[in-house]
């Protein structure tokens, strides 16, 4: 792989990441504009458990881990490169 191919690959990765960020921002806007019942449905599908400690600190357990999210994002990026 020469330098030009590497630069093109990096450009494609950056473009794909930009698309993912835009998608997350659009999801955020949809969530903000949603009815309370829809917000509750979205939250319950993403969060499995919330624990509130005596000092009011929160422990939130999600249905998907950060590593799984990154793994799926990476798979999508690599699929777009192929």
Protein backbone atom coordinates (compact mmCIF):
# COMPACT_ATOMS: atom_id res chain seq x y z
CA UNK A 1 0.00 0.00 0.00
CA UNK A 2 1.47 3.29 -1.02
CA UNK A 3 1.12 6.65 0.71
CA UNK A 4 -1.67 7.84 -1.59
CA UNK A 5 -3.77 4.78 -0.79
CA UNK A 6 -3.17 5.33 2.92
CA UNK A 7 -4.30 8.94 2.66
CA UNK A 8 -7.44 7.87 0.76
CA UNK A 9 -8.19 5.26 3.44
CA UNK A 10 -7.82 7.86 6.19
CA UNK A 11 -10.04 10.27 4.24
CA UNK A 12 -12.70 7.56 3.89
CA UNK A 13 -12.50 6.73 7.60
CA UNK A 14 -12.86 10.39 8.54
CA UNK A 15 -15.80 10.77 6.19
CA UNK A 16 -17.49 7.68 7.65
CA UNK A 17 -16.90 8.88 11.19
CA UNK A 18 -18.36 12.27 10.26
CA UNK A 19 -21.46 10.50 8.93
CA UNK A 20 -21.79 8.54 12.18
CA UNK A 21 -21.49 11.72 14.24
CA UNK A 22 -24.16 13.36 12.09
CA UNK A 23 -26.39 10.32 12.58
CA UNK A 24 -25.94 10.48 16.36
CA UNK A 25 -26.74 14.19 16.32
CA UNK A 26 -29.91 13.56 14.32
CA UNK A 27 -30.91 10.83 16.80
CA UNK A 28 -30.33 13.32 19.60
CA UNK A 29 -32.57 15.87 17.89
CA UNK A 30 -35.27 13.23 17.36
CA UNK A 31 -35.06 12.27 21.03
CA UNK A 32 -35.30 15.91 22.16
CA UNK A 33 -38.42 16.47 20.04
CA UNK A 34 -40.09 13.15 20.96
CA UNK A 35 -43.12 12.71 23.18
CA UNK A 36 -42.35 11.66 26.79
CA UNK A 37 -43.69 8.15 26.17
CA UNK A 38 -41.31 7.69 23.20
CA UNK A 39 -38.39 9.01 25.26
CA UNK A 40 -39.21 6.49 27.97
CA UNK A 41 -39.33 3.66 25.42
CA UNK A 42 -35.94 4.65 23.99
CA UNK A 43 -34.36 4.94 27.45
CA UNK A 44 -35.72 1.57 28.60
CA UNK A 45 -34.37 -0.12 25.48
CA UNK A 46 -30.89 1.35 26.03
CA UNK A 47 -30.59 1.14 29.84
CA UNK A 48 -30.86 -2.08 31.80
CA UNK A 49 -30.34 -0.71 35.33
CA UNK A 50 -29.77 2.54 37.24
CA UNK A 51 -28.44 2.48 40.80
CA UNK A 52 -28.48 5.61 42.98
CA UNK A 53 -26.01 5.57 45.88
CA UNK A 54 -26.40 7.30 49.25
CA UNK A 55 -24.23 10.17 48.01
CA UNK A 56 -26.55 10.46 44.97
CA UNK A 57 -23.95 9.16 42.56
CA UNK A 58 -25.38 7.15 39.68
CA UNK A 59 -24.32 3.82 38.26
CA UNK A 60 -25.96 3.26 34.88
CA UNK A 61 -25.76 -0.15 33.20
CA UNK A 62 -26.49 -0.11 29.49
CA UNK A 63 -27.73 -3.00 27.37
CA UNK A 64 -24.70 -2.53 25.10
CA UNK A 65 -21.16 -1.87 26.23
CA UNK A 66 -18.99 0.93 24.92
CA UNK A 67 -16.69 -1.69 23.42
CA UNK A 68 -19.62 -3.32 21.59
CA UNK A 69 -20.70 0.07 20.27
CA UNK A 70 -17.18 0.81 19.04
CA UNK A 71 -16.92 -2.68 17.54
CA UNK A 72 -20.16 -2.21 15.59
CA UNK A 73 -19.04 1.24 14.44
CA UNK A 74 -15.72 -0.18 13.31
CA UNK A 75 -17.48 -3.01 11.41
CA UNK A 76 -19.65 -0.46 9.62
CA UNK A 77 -16.62 1.65 8.71
CA UNK A 78 -14.68 -1.36 7.43
CA UNK A 79 -17.69 -2.55 5.41
CA UNK A 80 -17.88 0.88 3.76
CA UNK A 81 -14.19 0.71 2.86
CA UNK A 82 -14.54 -2.66 1.13
